[in-house]
Amino acid sequence: MQNFYFNYFSDNALDLIEPWLSRLHVLVIGSGLGRDRNILHVVSELIMSCKKSEKPLVIDADGLFLITQNTSLLSDYKNVIL
C-alpha cells in the first residue's frame, strides 16, 4: 500500500507543487532530498518549471548531486545559486 501512495504522489507531484510556486520568492532544493530516482525525476521537472517561470533557486546538498547528473537542467538559467 505504501508503494501505491508513493507512486501516486510521484506521478502527480508536479501538479500538486506548481500551484504553490507563485507564492514563493525563491525555492531551495537540496538538503534532505536524498537520491531516490523517482524523487530526483520530480525535482528535475520542478527545476524546469521554475526555469520557465524565472523563479530564483538555491541548490545545495543532494540538489548538487542531481545537477552533476544532468548539468543541462541549469543551462541558460540565470537565477540560480549553487
Protein backbone atom coordinates (compact mmCIF):
# COMPACT_ATOMS: atom_id res chain seq x y z
CA MET A 1 0.00 0.00 0.00
CA GLN A 2 2.83 2.44 0.79
CA ASN A 3 4.23 1.94 -2.74
CA PHE A 4 0.83 2.86 -4.20
CA TYR A 5 0.80 6.20 -2.37
CA PHE A 6 4.40 6.94 -3.31
CA ASN A 7 3.78 6.14 -6.99
CA TYR A 8 0.60 8.26 -6.98
CA PHE A 9 2.46 11.16 -5.44
CA SER A 10 5.46 10.89 -7.74
CA ASP A 11 3.23 10.72 -10.82
CA ASN A 12 1.26 13.80 -9.74
CA ALA A 13 3.81 15.64 -7.63
CA LEU A 14 4.44 18.49 -10.03
CA ASP A 15 0.71 19.09 -10.41
CA LEU A 16 0.46 19.33 -6.62
CA ILE A 17 3.51 21.61 -6.22
CA GLU A 18 3.17 24.05 -9.13
CA PRO A 19 0.14 25.96 -7.77
CA TRP A 20 2.24 26.97 -4.74
CA LEU A 21 5.22 28.28 -6.71
CA SER A 22 3.68 31.68 -7.43
CA ARG A 23 3.57 32.35 -3.67
CA LEU A 24 7.33 31.85 -3.30
CA HIS A 25 10.06 34.42 -3.88
CA VAL A 26 12.72 31.71 -4.12
CA LEU A 27 12.88 27.91 -3.96
CA VAL A 28 15.58 25.99 -2.06
CA ILE A 29 16.36 22.48 -3.31
CA GLY A 30 18.77 20.05 -1.75
CA SER A 31 19.08 19.39 1.92
CA GLY A 32 17.25 16.18 2.84
CA LEU A 33 16.34 15.46 -0.78
CA GLY A 34 18.02 12.08 -0.92
CA ARG A 35 18.91 10.22 -4.10
CA ASP A 36 15.82 8.18 -4.93
CA ARG A 37 15.43 8.21 -8.72
CA ASN A 38 11.70 8.99 -8.58
CA ILE A 39 12.26 11.98 -6.32
CA LEU A 40 15.14 13.21 -8.47
CA HIS A 41 12.93 12.93 -11.55
CA VAL A 42 10.21 15.04 -9.92
CA VAL A 43 12.77 17.61 -8.77
CA SER A 44 14.23 17.77 -12.30
CA GLU A 45 10.76 18.59 -13.61
CA LEU A 46 10.33 21.14 -10.83
CA ILE A 47 13.60 22.83 -11.79
CA MET A 48 12.45 23.03 -15.41
CA SER A 49 9.16 24.56 -14.29
CA CYS A 50 10.98 27.13 -12.16
CA LYS A 51 13.31 27.90 -15.04
CA LYS A 52 10.35 28.57 -17.34
CA SER A 53 8.83 30.99 -14.82
CA GLU A 54 12.24 32.52 -13.95
CA LYS A 55 11.85 31.55 -10.27
CA PRO A 56 15.15 32.03 -8.36
CA LEU A 57 16.66 28.80 -6.98
CA VAL A 58 19.16 27.93 -4.29
CA ILE A 59 20.59 24.45 -4.78
CA ASP A 60 22.77 22.63 -2.27
CA ALA A 61 23.49 19.17 -0.82
CA ASP A 62 21.71 16.40 -2.76
CA GLY A 63 20.40 19.03 -5.16
CA LEU A 64 24.00 19.47 -6.30
CA PHE A 65 24.22 15.72 -6.84
CA LEU A 66 21.20 15.97 -9.15
CA ILE A 67 22.83 18.79 -11.11
CA THR A 68 26.04 16.79 -11.55
CA GLN A 69 23.92 14.01 -13.09
CA ASN A 70 22.23 16.42 -15.54
CA THR A 71 24.02 19.74 -15.96
CA SER A 72 21.65 20.77 -18.76
CA LEU A 73 19.00 21.47 -16.10
CA LEU A 74 20.77 24.76 -15.41
CA SER A 75 21.64 25.63 -19.00
CA ASP A 76 20.68 29.30 -19.56
CA TYR A 77 19.21 29.53 -16.04
CA LYS A 78 20.29 32.89 -14.63
CA ASN A 79 18.60 32.94 -11.22
CA VAL A 80 20.47 30.09 -9.51
CA ILE A 81 22.81 29.99 -6.52
CA LEU A 82 24.80 26.79 -6.04
